[in-house]
PDB file of all heavy atoms in Angstrom:
ATOM      1  N   THR A   1     111.459  95.100 110.758  1.00  0.00           N
ATOM      2  CA  THR A   1     111.364  96.206 111.784  1.00  0.00           C
ATOM      3  C   THR A   1     110.010  96.943 111.491  1.00  0.00           C
ATOM      4  O   THR A   1     109.391  97.248 112.478  1.00  0.00           O
ATOM      5  CB  THR A   1     112.520  97.207 111.617  1.00  0.00           C
ATOM      6  OG1 THR A   1     113.773  96.644 111.922  1.00  0.00           O
ATOM      7  CG2 THR A   1     112.339  98.496 112.549  1.00  0.00           C
ATOM      8  N   VAL A   2     109.532  96.939 110.271  1.00  0.00           N
ATOM      9  CA  VAL A   2     108.282  97.548 110.085  1.00  0.00           C
ATOM     10  C   VAL A   2     107.142  96.527 110.394  1.00  0.00           C
ATOM     11  O   VAL A   2     106.157  96.887 111.004  1.00  0.00           O
ATOM     12  CB  VAL A   2     108.179  97.999 108.494  1.00  0.00           C
ATOM     13  CG1 VAL A   2     106.796  98.521 108.080  1.00  0.00           C
ATOM     14  CG2 VAL A   2     109.184  99.055 108.229  1.00  0.00           C
ATOM     15  N   LEU A   3     107.352  95.352 109.924  1.00  0.00           N
ATOM     16  CA  LEU A   3     106.197  94.333 110.124  1.00  0.00           C
ATOM     17  C   LEU A   3     105.846  94.136 111.596  1.00  0.00           C
ATOM     18  O   LEU A   3     104.751  93.840 111.975  1.00  0.00           O
ATOM     19  CB  LEU A   3     106.686  92.975 109.448  1.00  0.00           C
ATOM     20  CG  LEU A   3     106.698  92.925 108.009  1.00  0.00           C
ATOM     21  CD1 LEU A   3     107.276  91.536 107.476  1.00  0.00           C
ATOM     22  CD2 LEU A   3     105.408  93.262 107.336  1.00  0.00           C
ATOM     23  N   LEU A   4     106.954  94.284 112.470  1.00  0.00           N
ATOM     24  CA  LEU A   4     106.677  94.144 113.856  1.00  0.00           C
ATOM     25  C   LEU A   4     105.808  95.126 114.516  1.00  0.00           C
ATOM     26  O   LEU A   4     105.303  94.975 115.603  1.00  0.00           O
ATOM     27  CB  LEU A   4     108.092  94.176 114.715  1.00  0.00           C
ATOM     28  CG  LEU A   4     108.840  92.662 114.485  1.00  0.00           C
ATOM     29  CD1 LEU A   4     110.278  92.816 114.953  1.00  0.00           C
ATOM     30  CD2 LEU A   4     108.087  91.604 115.255  1.00  0.00           C
ATOM     31  N   ARG A   5     105.532  96.189 113.820  1.00  0.00           N
ATOM     32  CA  ARG A   5     104.529  97.174 114.239  1.00  0.00           C
ATOM     33  C   ARG A   5     103.125  96.726 114.129  1.00  0.00           C
ATOM     34  O   ARG A   5     102.167  97.203 114.654  1.00  0.00           O
ATOM     35  CB  ARG A   5     104.817  98.481 113.596  1.00  0.00           C
ATOM     36  CG  ARG A   5     106.073  99.179 114.054  1.00  0.00           C
ATOM     37  CD  ARG A   5     106.092 100.672 113.581  1.00  0.00           C
ATOM     38  NE  ARG A   5     105.330 101.584 114.420  1.00  0.00           N
ATOM     39  CZ  ARG A   5     105.628 102.173 115.476  1.00  0.00           C
ATOM     40  NH1 ARG A   5     106.772 102.015 115.988  1.00  0.00           N
ATOM     41  NH2 ARG A   5     104.728 103.003 115.964  1.00  0.00           N
ATOM     42  N   TYR A   6     102.918  95.718 113.200  1.00  0.00           N
ATOM     43  CA  TYR A   6     101.500  95.249 112.919  1.00  0.00           C
ATOM     44  C   TYR A   6     101.225  93.849 113.186  1.00  0.00           C
ATOM     45  O   TYR A   6     100.181  93.358 113.272  1.00  0.00           O
ATOM     46  CB  TYR A   6     101.395  95.460 111.364  1.00  0.00           C
ATOM     47  CG  TYR A   6     101.555  96.894 110.813  1.00  0.00           C
ATOM     48  CD1 TYR A   6     102.848  97.265 110.234  1.00  0.00           C
ATOM     49  CD2 TYR A   6     100.751  98.001 111.144  1.00  0.00           C
ATOM     50  CE1 TYR A   6     103.034  98.553 109.884  1.00  0.00           C
ATOM     51  CE2 TYR A   6     100.921  99.240 110.734  1.00  0.00           C
ATOM     52  CZ  TYR A   6     102.149  99.481 110.111  1.00  0.00           C
ATOM     53  OH  TYR A   6     102.440 100.828 109.760  1.00  0.00           O
ATOM     54  N   PHE A   7     102.400  93.050 113.341  1.00  0.00           N
ATOM     55  CA  PHE A   7     102.200  91.645 113.612  1.00  0.00           C
ATOM     56  C   PHE A   7     102.947  91.211 114.796  1.00  0.00           C
ATOM     57  O   PHE A   7     103.967  91.800 115.255  1.00  0.00           O
ATOM     58  CB  PHE A   7     102.604  90.713 112.455  1.00  0.00           C
ATOM     59  CG  PHE A   7     101.998  91.010 111.168  1.00  0.00           C
ATOM     60  CD1 PHE A   7     102.480  91.817 110.253  1.00  0.00           C
ATOM     61  CD2 PHE A   7     100.724  90.509 110.849  1.00  0.00           C
ATOM     62  CE1 PHE A   7     101.883  92.188 109.039  1.00  0.00           C
ATOM     63  CE2 PHE A   7     100.044  90.762 109.698  1.00  0.00           C
ATOM     64  CZ  PHE A   7     100.605  91.630 108.861  1.00  0.00           C
ATOM     65  N   SER A   8     102.445  90.198 115.521  1.00  0.00           N
ATOM     66  CA  SER A   8     103.114  89.784 116.869  1.00  0.00           C
ATOM     67  C   SER A   8     104.420  89.158 116.480  1.00  0.00           C
ATOM     68  O   SER A   8     104.567  88.468 115.440  1.00  0.00           O
ATOM     69  CB  SER A   8     102.216  88.620 117.620  1.00  0.00           C
ATOM     70  OG  SER A   8     102.218  87.475 116.943  1.00  0.00           O
ATOM     71  N   SER A   9     105.398  89.140 117.418  1.00  0.00           N
ATOM     72  CA  SER A   9     106.705  88.520 117.173  1.00  0.00           C
ATOM     73  C   SER A   9     106.705  87.075 116.969  1.00  0.00           C
ATOM     74  O   SER A   9     107.250  86.567 116.049  1.00  0.00           O
ATOM     75  CB  SER A   9     107.569  88.816 118.375  1.00  0.00           C
ATOM     76  OG  SER A   9     107.713  90.159 118.709  1.00  0.00           O
ATOM     77  N   ALA A  10     105.779  86.362 117.602  1.00  0.00           N
ATOM     78  CA  ALA A  10     105.717  84.916 117.552  1.00  0.00           C
ATOM     79  C   ALA A  10     105.142  84.454 116.231  1.00  0.00           C
ATOM     80  O   ALA A  10     105.668  83.499 115.557  1.00  0.00           O
ATOM     81  CB  ALA A  10     104.959  84.355 118.764  1.00  0.00           C
ATOM     82  N   ASN A  11     104.087  85.248 115.779  1.00  0.00           N
ATOM     83  CA  ASN A  11     103.517  84.984 114.411  1.00  0.00           C
ATOM     84  C   ASN A  11     104.533  85.185 113.386  1.00  0.00           C
ATOM     85  O   ASN A  11     104.553  84.207 112.488  1.00  0.00           O
ATOM     86  CB  ASN A  11     102.299  85.780 114.164  1.00  0.00           C
ATOM     87  CG  ASN A  11     100.985  85.247 114.632  1.00  0.00           C
ATOM     88  OD1 ASN A  11     100.883  83.925 114.657  1.00  0.00           O
ATOM     89  ND2 ASN A  11     100.057  85.941 115.176  1.00  0.00           N
ATOM     90  N   LEU A  12     105.272  86.216 113.318  1.00  0.00           N
ATOM     91  CA  LEU A  12     106.315  86.422 112.314  1.00  0.00           C
ATOM     92  C   LEU A  12     107.312  85.479 112.427  1.00  0.00           C
ATOM     93  O   LEU A  12     107.845  85.044 111.296  1.00  0.00           O
ATOM     94  CB  LEU A  12     106.857  87.881 112.407  1.00  0.00           C
ATOM     95  CG  LEU A  12     106.012  88.962 111.839  1.00  0.00           C
ATOM     96  CD1 LEU A  12     106.831  90.332 112.050  1.00  0.00           C
ATOM     97  CD2 LEU A  12     105.881  88.738 110.390  1.00  0.00           C
ATOM     98  N   LEU A  13     107.843  85.122 113.618  1.00  0.00           N
ATOM     99  CA  LEU A  13     108.880  84.051 113.654  1.00  0.00           C
ATOM    100  C   LEU A  13     108.442  82.770 113.128  1.00  0.00           C
ATOM    101  O   LEU A  13     109.252  82.072 112.451  1.00  0.00           O
ATOM    102  CB  LEU A  13     109.129  84.060 115.187  1.00  0.00           C
ATOM    103  CG  LEU A  13     110.444  82.992 115.537  1.00  0.00           C
ATOM    104  CD1 LEU A  13     111.715  83.456 114.869  1.00  0.00           C
ATOM    105  CD2 LEU A  13     110.565  82.888 117.123  1.00  0.00           C
ATOM    106  N   SER A  14     107.239  82.468 113.410  1.00  0.00           N
ATOM    107  CA  SER A  14     106.671  81.189 112.872  1.00  0.00           C
ATOM    108  C   SER A  14     106.688  81.126 111.315  1.00  0.00           C
ATOM    109  O   SER A  14     107.229  80.175 110.673  1.00  0.00           O
ATOM    110  CB  SER A  14     105.317  80.922 113.459  1.00  0.00           C
ATOM    111  OG  SER A  14     104.676  79.718 112.794  1.00  0.00           O
ATOM    112  N   THR A  15     106.165  82.243 110.850  1.00  0.00           N
ATOM    113  CA  THR A  15     106.209  82.292 109.265  1.00  0.00           C
ATOM    114  C   THR A  15     107.537  82.325 108.759  1.00  0.00           C
ATOM    115  O   THR A  15     107.726  81.605 107.663  1.00  0.00           O
ATOM    116  CB  THR A  15     105.358  83.642 108.955  1.00  0.00           C
ATOM    117  OG1 THR A  15     104.106  83.655 109.556  1.00  0.00           O
ATOM    118  CG2 THR A  15     105.284  83.784 107.430  1.00  0.00           C
ATOM    119  N   PHE A  16     108.472  82.991 109.323  1.00  0.00           N
ATOM    120  CA  PHE A  16     109.787  83.190 108.642  1.00  0.00           C
ATOM    121  C   PHE A  16     110.499  81.797 108.917  1.00  0.00           C
ATOM    122  O   PHE A  16     111.359  81.389 108.025  1.00  0.00           O
ATOM    123  CB  PHE A  16     110.583  84.215 109.287  1.00  0.00           C
ATOM    124  CG  PHE A  16     110.254  85.552 108.577  1.00  0.00           C
ATOM    125  CD1 PHE A  16     109.095  86.146 108.595  1.00  0.00           C
ATOM    126  CD2 PHE A  16     111.311  86.201 107.844  1.00  0.00           C
ATOM    127  CE1 PHE A  16     108.872  87.404 107.943  1.00  0.00           C
ATOM    128  CE2 PHE A  16     111.180  87.417 107.235  1.00  0.00           C
ATOM    129  CZ  PHE A  16     109.889  87.941 107.204  1.00  0.00           C
ATOM    130  N   ALA A  17     110.247  81.018 109.914  1.00  0.00           N
ATOM    131  CA  ALA A  17     110.738  79.656 110.142  1.00  0.00           C
ATOM    132  C   ALA A  17     110.279  78.682 109.011  1.00  0.00           C
ATOM    133  O   ALA A  17     111.199  77.978 108.484  1.00  0.00           O
ATOM    134  CB  ALA A  17     110.466  79.115 111.443  1.00  0.00           C
ATOM    135  N   VAL A  18     109.098  78.702 108.606  1.00  0.00           N
ATOM    136  CA  VAL A  18     108.545  77.987 107.637  1.00  0.00           C
ATOM    137  C   VAL A  18     109.276  78.417 106.282  1.00  0.00           C
ATOM    138  O   VAL A  18     109.701  77.550 105.473  1.00  0.00           O
ATOM    139  CB  VAL A  18     107.129  78.117 107.530  1.00  0.00           C
ATOM    140  CG1 VAL A  18     106.547  77.408 106.132  1.00  0.00           C
ATOM    141  CG2 VAL A  18     106.255  77.511 108.636  1.00  0.00           C
ATOM    142  N   LEU A  19     109.450  79.708 105.974  1.00  0.00           N
ATOM    143  CA  LEU A  19     110.109  80.072 104.824  1.00  0.00           C
ATOM    144  C   LEU A  19     111.502  79.634 104.763  1.00  0.00           C
ATOM    145  O   LEU A  19     112.058  79.115 103.710  1.00  0.00           O
ATOM    146  CB  LEU A  19     110.169  81.631 104.754  1.00  0.00           C
ATOM    147  CG  LEU A  19     108.994  82.357 104.230  1.00  0.00           C
ATOM    148  CD1 LEU A  19     109.197  83.874 104.357  1.00  0.00           C
ATOM    149  CD2 LEU A  19     108.758  82.088 102.747  1.00  0.00           C
ATOM    150  N   ALA A  20     112.259  79.594 105.918  1.00  0.00           N
ATOM    151  CA  ALA A  20     113.583  79.001 105.960  1.00  0.00           C
ATOM    152  C   ALA A  20     113.681  77.617 105.636  1.00  0.00           C
ATOM    153  O   ALA A  20     114.582  77.220 104.932  1.00  0.00           O
ATOM    154  CB  ALA A  20     114.219  79.375 107.405  1.00  0.00           C
ATOM    155  N   MET A  21     112.722  76.868 106.183  1.00  0.00           N
ATOM    156  CA  MET A  21     112.705  75.428 105.923  1.00  0.00           C
ATOM    157  C   MET A  21     112.528  75.143 104.510  1.00  0.00           C
ATOM    158  O   MET A  21     113.127  74.271 103.805  1.00  0.00           O
ATOM    159  CB  MET A  21     111.626  74.740 106.752  1.00  0.00           C
ATOM    160  CG  MET A  21     112.077  74.600 108.227  1.00  0.00           C
ATOM    161  SD  MET A  21     110.931  73.532 109.262  1.00  0.00           S
ATOM    162  CE  MET A  21     109.501  74.768 109.345  1.00  0.00           C
ATOM    163  N   LEU A  22     111.683  75.966 103.746  1.00  0.00           N
ATOM    164  CA  LEU A  22     111.276  75.739 102.353  1.00  0.00           C
ATOM    165  C   LEU A  22     112.521  76.170 101.424  1.00  0.00           C
ATOM    166  O   LEU A  22     112.865  75.405 100.621  1.00  0.00           O
ATOM    167  CB  LEU A  22     110.076  76.591 101.916  1.00  0.00           C
ATOM    168  CG  LEU A  22     108.721  76.123 102.501  1.00  0.00           C
ATOM    169  CD1 LEU A  22     107.610  77.161 102.104  1.00  0.00           C
ATOM    170  CD2 LEU A  22     108.312  74.668 102.015  1.00  0.00           C
ATOM    171  N   PHE A  23     113.187  77.248 101.732  1.00  0.00           N
ATOM    172  CA  PHE A  23     114.350  77.530 101.099  1.00  0.00           C
ATOM    173  C   PHE A  23     115.451  76.563 101.312  1.00  0.00           C
ATOM    174  O   PHE A  23     116.239  76.283 100.394  1.00  0.00           O
ATOM    175  CB  PHE A  23     114.865  78.971 101.498  1.00  0.00           C
ATOM    176  CG  PHE A  23     113.945  80.077 101.010  1.00  0.00           C
ATOM    177  CD1 PHE A  23     113.701  81.159 101.804  1.00  0.00           C
ATOM    178  CD2 PHE A  23     113.573  80.115  99.713  1.00  0.00           C
ATOM    179  CE1 PHE A  23     112.826  82.241 101.400  1.00  0.00           C
ATOM    180  CE2 PHE A  23     112.690  81.130  99.161  1.00  0.00           C
ATOM    181  CZ  PHE A  23     112.336  82.184 100.022  1.00  0.00           C
ATOM    182  N   THR A  24     115.584  76.037 102.451  1.00  0.00           N
ATOM    183  CA  THR A  24     116.700  75.017 102.751  1.00  0.00           C
ATOM    184  C   THR A  24     116.360  73.739 102.027  1.00  0.00           C
ATOM    185  O   THR A  24     117.294  73.104 101.414  1.00  0.00           O
ATOM    186  CB  THR A  24     116.689  74.665 104.290  1.00  0.00           C
ATOM    187  OG1 THR A  24     116.802  75.949 104.954  1.00  0.00           O
ATOM    188  CG2 THR A  24     117.792  73.814 104.562  1.00  0.00           C
ATOM    189  N   LEU A  25     115.073  73.313 101.863  1.00  0.00           N
ATOM    190  CA  LEU A  25     114.759  72.176 101.044  1.00  0.00           C
ATOM    191  C   LEU A  25     115.223  72.514  99.565  1.00  0.00           C
ATOM    192  O   LEU A  25     115.697  71.552  98.908  1.00  0.00           O
ATOM    193  CB  LEU A  25     113.312  71.872 101.107  1.00  0.00           C
ATOM    194  CG  LEU A  25     112.928  71.257 102.522  1.00  0.00           C
ATOM    195  CD1 LEU A  25     111.419  71.054 102.549  1.00  0.00           C
ATOM    196  CD2 LEU A  25     113.573  69.806 102.773  1.00  0.00           C
ATOM    197  N   GLY A  26     115.015  73.691  99.156  1.00  0.00           N
ATOM    198  CA  GLY A  26     115.400  74.115  97.828  1.00  0.00           C
ATOM    199  C   GLY A  26     116.983  73.947  97.659  1.00  0.00           C
ATOM    200  O   GLY A  26     117.395  73.457  96.539  1.00  0.00           O
ATOM    201  N   ALA A  27     117.690  74.327  98.674  1.00  0.00           N
ATOM    202  CA  ALA A  27     119.189  74.196  98.557  1.00  0.00           C
ATOM    203  C   ALA A  27     119.631  72.828  98.591  1.00  0.00           C
ATOM    204  O   ALA A  27     120.625  72.481  97.910  1.00  0.00           O
ATOM    205  CB  ALA A  27     119.847  74.946  99.727  1.00  0.00           C
ATOM    206  N   ILE A  28     118.880  71.957  99.182  1.00  0.00           N
ATOM    207  CA  ILE A  28     119.123  70.498  99.195  1.00  0.00           C
ATOM    208  C   ILE A  28     118.858  69.796  97.876  1.00  0.00           C
ATOM    209  O   ILE A  28     119.698  69.056  97.366  1.00  0.00           O
ATOM    210  CB  ILE A  28     118.409  69.845 100.312  1.00  0.00           C
ATOM    211  CG1 ILE A  28     118.903  70.237 101.650  1.00  0.00           C
ATOM    212  CG2 ILE A  28     118.687  68.253 100.204  1.00  0.00           C
ATOM    213  CD1 ILE A  28     118.135  69.717 102.803  1.00  0.00           C
ATOM    214  N   PHE A  29     117.658  70.037  97.324  1.00  0.00           N
ATOM    215  CA  PHE A  29     117.154  69.260  96.160  1.00  0.00           C
ATOM    216  C   PHE A  29     117.123  69.940  94.810  1.00  0.00           C
ATOM    217  O   PHE A  29     116.893  69.167  93.926  1.00  0.00           O
ATOM    218  CB  PHE A  29     115.796  68.669  96.557  1.00  0.00           C
ATOM    219  CG  PHE A  29     115.757  67.783  97.697  1.00  0.00           C
ATOM    220  CD1 PHE A  29     115.192  68.032  99.018  1.00  0.00           C
ATOM    221  CD2 PHE A  29     116.286  66.499  97.555  1.00  0.00           C
ATOM    222  CE1 PHE A  29     115.193  67.188 100.053  1.00  0.00           C
ATOM    223  CE2 PHE A  29     116.392  65.528  98.504  1.00  0.00           C
ATOM    224  CZ  PHE A  29     115.777  65.887  99.781  1.00  0.00           C
ATOM    225  N   LEU A  30     116.996  71.299  94.851  1.00  0.00           N
ATOM    226  CA  LEU A  30     116.987  71.971  93.478  1.00  0.00           C
ATOM    227  C   LEU A  30     118.429  71.730  92.819  1.00  0.00           C
ATOM    228  O   LEU A  30     119.415  71.851  93.418  1.00  0.00           O
ATOM    229  CB  LEU A  30     116.645  73.379  93.682  1.00  0.00           C
ATOM    230  CG  LEU A  30     115.204  73.716  94.050  1.00  0.00           C
ATOM    231  CD1 LEU A  30     114.930  75.225  94.310  1.00  0.00           C
ATOM    232  CD2 LEU A  30     114.131  73.131  93.096  1.00  0.00           C
ATOM    233  N   PRO A  31     118.321  71.729  91.510  1.00  0.00           N
ATOM    234  CA  PRO A  31     119.588  71.404  90.747  1.00  0.00           C
ATOM    235  C   PRO A  31     120.387  72.764  90.485  1.00  0.00           C
ATOM    236  O   PRO A  31     119.944  73.736  90.437  1.00  0.00           O
ATOM    237  CB  PRO A  31     119.150  70.803  89.381  1.00  0.00           C
ATOM    238  CG  PRO A  31     117.765  71.459  89.343  1.00  0.00           C
ATOM    239  CD  PRO A  31     117.240  71.545  90.541  1.00  0.00           C
ATOM    240  N   ASP A  32     121.662  72.513  90.549  1.00  0.00           N
ATOM    241  CA  ASP A  32     122.747  73.584  90.014  1.00  0.00           C
ATOM    242  C   ASP A  32     122.406  74.936  90.714  1.00  0.00           C
ATOM    243  O   ASP A  32     122.364  75.052  91.878  1.00  0.00           O
ATOM    244  CB  ASP A  32     122.552  73.710  88.569  1.00  0.00           C
ATOM    245  CG  ASP A  32     122.959  72.388  87.868  1.00  0.00           C
ATOM    246  OD1 ASP A  32     123.810  71.566  88.403  1.00  0.00           O
ATOM    247  OD2 ASP A  32     122.322  71.921  86.878  1.00  0.00           O
ATOM    248  N   MET A  33     122.377  75.981  89.927  1.00  0.00           N
ATOM    249  CA  MET A  33     122.334  77.404  90.333  1.00  0.00           C
ATOM    250  C   MET A  33     120.854  77.674  91.128  1.00  0.00           C
ATOM    251  O   MET A  33     120.893  78.389  92.046  1.00  0.00           O
ATOM    252  CB  MET A  33     122.420  78.315  89.314  1.00  0.00           C
ATOM    253  CG  MET A  33     123.661  78.374  88.544  1.00  0.00           C
ATOM    254  SD  MET A  33     125.121  78.710  89.694  1.00  0.00           S
ATOM    255  CE  MET A  33     124.716  80.317  90.165  1.00  0.00           C
ATOM    256  N   LEU A  34     119.836  76.897  90.810  1.00  0.00           N
ATOM    257  CA  LEU A  34     118.613  77.100  91.377  1.00  0.00           C
ATOM    258  C   LEU A  34     118.829  76.779  93.061  1.00  0.00           C
ATOM    259  O   LEU A  34     118.296  77.545  93.804  1.00  0.00           O
ATOM    260  CB  LEU A  34     117.483  76.234  90.935  1.00  0.00           C
ATOM    261  CG  LEU A  34     116.855  76.660  89.555  1.00  0.00           C
ATOM    262  CD1 LEU A  34     115.904  75.645  89.060  1.00  0.00           C
ATOM    263  CD2 LEU A  34     116.272  77.997  89.684  1.00  0.00           C
ATOM    264  N   GLY A  35     119.599  75.748  93.239  1.00  0.00           N
ATOM    265  CA  GLY A  35     119.857  75.432  94.666  1.00  0.00           C
ATOM    266  C   GLY A  35     120.628  76.390  95.242  1.00  0.00           C
ATOM    267  O   GLY A  35     120.408  76.854  96.458  1.00  0.00           O
ATOM    268  N   LEU A  36     121.674  77.087  94.603  1.00  0.00           N
ATOM    269  CA  LEU A  36     122.499  78.082  95.247  1.00  0.00           C
ATOM    270  C   LEU A  36     121.621  79.328  95.499  1.00  0.00           C
ATOM    271  O   LEU A  36     121.814  80.050  96.607  1.00  0.00           O
ATOM    272  CB  LEU A  36     123.622  78.329  94.282  1.00  0.00           C
ATOM    273  CG  LEU A  36     124.647  79.492  94.778  1.00  0.00           C
ATOM    274  CD1 LEU A  36     125.259  79.037  96.067  1.00  0.00           C
ATOM    275  CD2 LEU A  36     125.683  79.708  93.817  1.00  0.00           C
ATOM    276  N   TYR A  37     120.748  79.648  94.624  1.00  0.00           N
ATOM    277  CA  TYR A  37     119.882  80.860  94.823  1.00  0.00           C
ATOM    278  C   TYR A  37     118.897  80.601  95.973  1.00  0.00           C
ATOM    279  O   TYR A  37     118.758  81.574  96.793  1.00  0.00           O
ATOM    280  CB  TYR A  37     119.008  81.149  93.541  1.00  0.00           C
ATOM    281  CG  TYR A  37     119.753  81.580  92.310  1.00  0.00           C
ATOM    282  CD1 TYR A  37     119.441  81.137  91.044  1.00  0.00           C
ATOM    283  CD2 TYR A  37     120.960  82.327  92.367  1.00  0.00           C
ATOM    284  CE1 TYR A  37     120.106  81.583  89.948  1.00  0.00           C
ATOM    285  CE2 TYR A  37     121.678  82.723  91.307  1.00  0.00           C
ATOM    286  CZ  TYR A  37     121.341  82.357  90.016  1.00  0.00           C
ATOM    287  OH  TYR A  37     121.940  82.712  88.913  1.00  0.00           O
ATOM    288  N   SER A  38     118.477  79.371  96.135  1.00  0.00           N
ATOM    289  CA  SER A  38     117.688  79.069  97.270  1.00  0.00           C
ATOM    290  C   SER A  38     118.360  79.200  98.555  1.00  0.00           C
ATOM    291  O   SER A  38     117.870  79.609  99.587  1.00  0.00           O
ATOM    292  CB  SER A  38     117.117  77.640  97.190  1.00  0.00           C
ATOM    293  OG  SER A  38     116.142  77.372  98.223  1.00  0.00           O
ATOM    294  N   LEU A  39     119.735  78.829  98.561  1.00  0.00           N
ATOM    295  CA  LEU A  39     120.675  78.880  99.650  1.00  0.00           C
ATOM    296  C   LEU A  39     120.685  80.472 100.066  1.00  0.00           C
ATOM    297  O   LEU A  39     120.728  80.679 101.367  1.00  0.00           O
ATOM    298  CB  LEU A  39     122.024  78.239  99.407  1.00  0.00           C
ATOM    299  CG  LEU A  39     122.952  78.184 100.501  1.00  0.00           C
ATOM    300  CD1 LEU A  39     122.435  77.585 101.777  1.00  0.00           C
ATOM    301  CD2 LEU A  39     124.232  77.472 100.046  1.00  0.00           C
ATOM    302  N   VAL A  40     120.867  81.314  99.111  1.00  0.00           N
ATOM    303  CA  VAL A  40     121.091  82.710  99.318  1.00  0.00           C
ATOM    304  C   VAL A  40     119.710  83.159  99.936  1.00  0.00           C
ATOM    305  O   VAL A  40     119.754  84.019 100.877  1.00  0.00           O
ATOM    306  CB  VAL A  40     121.403  83.477  97.934  1.00  0.00           C
ATOM    307  CG1 VAL A  40     121.206  84.986  98.238  1.00  0.00           C
ATOM    308  CG2 VAL A  40     122.700  83.166  97.588  1.00  0.00           C
ATOM    309  N   ALA A  41     118.628  82.755  99.429  1.00  0.00           N
ATOM    310  CA  ALA A  41     117.210  83.281  99.927  1.00  0.00           C
ATOM    311  C   ALA A  41     117.058  82.947 101.367  1.00  0.00           C
ATOM    312  O   ALA A  41     116.227  83.627 102.086  1.00  0.00           O
ATOM    313  CB  ALA A  41     116.243  82.748  99.042  1.00  0.00           C
ATOM    314  N   ILE A  42     117.663  81.864 101.916  1.00  0.00           N
ATOM    315  CA  ILE A  42     117.445  81.493 103.423  1.00  0.00           C
ATOM    316  C   ILE A  42     117.849  82.716 104.263  1.00  0.00           C
ATOM    317  O   ILE A  42     117.007  82.979 105.251  1.00  0.00           O
ATOM    318  CB  ILE A  42     118.401  80.408 103.806  1.00  0.00           C
ATOM    319  CG1 ILE A  42     117.926  79.113 102.909  1.00  0.00           C
ATOM    320  CG2 ILE A  42     118.328  80.015 105.263  1.00  0.00           C
ATOM    321  CD1 ILE A  42     118.943  77.893 103.180  1.00  0.00           C
ATOM    322  N   SER A  43     118.714  83.596 103.922  1.00  0.00           N
ATOM    323  CA  SER A  43     119.223  84.709 104.678  1.00  0.00           C
ATOM    324  C   SER A  43     118.033  85.715 104.941  1.00  0.00           C
ATOM    325  O   SER A  43     117.882  86.314 105.952  1.00  0.00           O
ATOM    326  CB  SER A  43     120.344  85.396 104.045  1.00  0.00           C
ATOM    327  OG  SER A  43     121.561  84.557 104.035  1.00  0.00           O
TER     328      SER A  43
END
């Protein structure tokens, strides 16, 4: 809500989509609790 005052909606959406993909790869390939923490971080 704060960031949208300074950055465009599309730019932020693109950045956060990349973050989501990276965290999801962590949930798939990181072992044990690291994968679970990465799954939480997707949110």
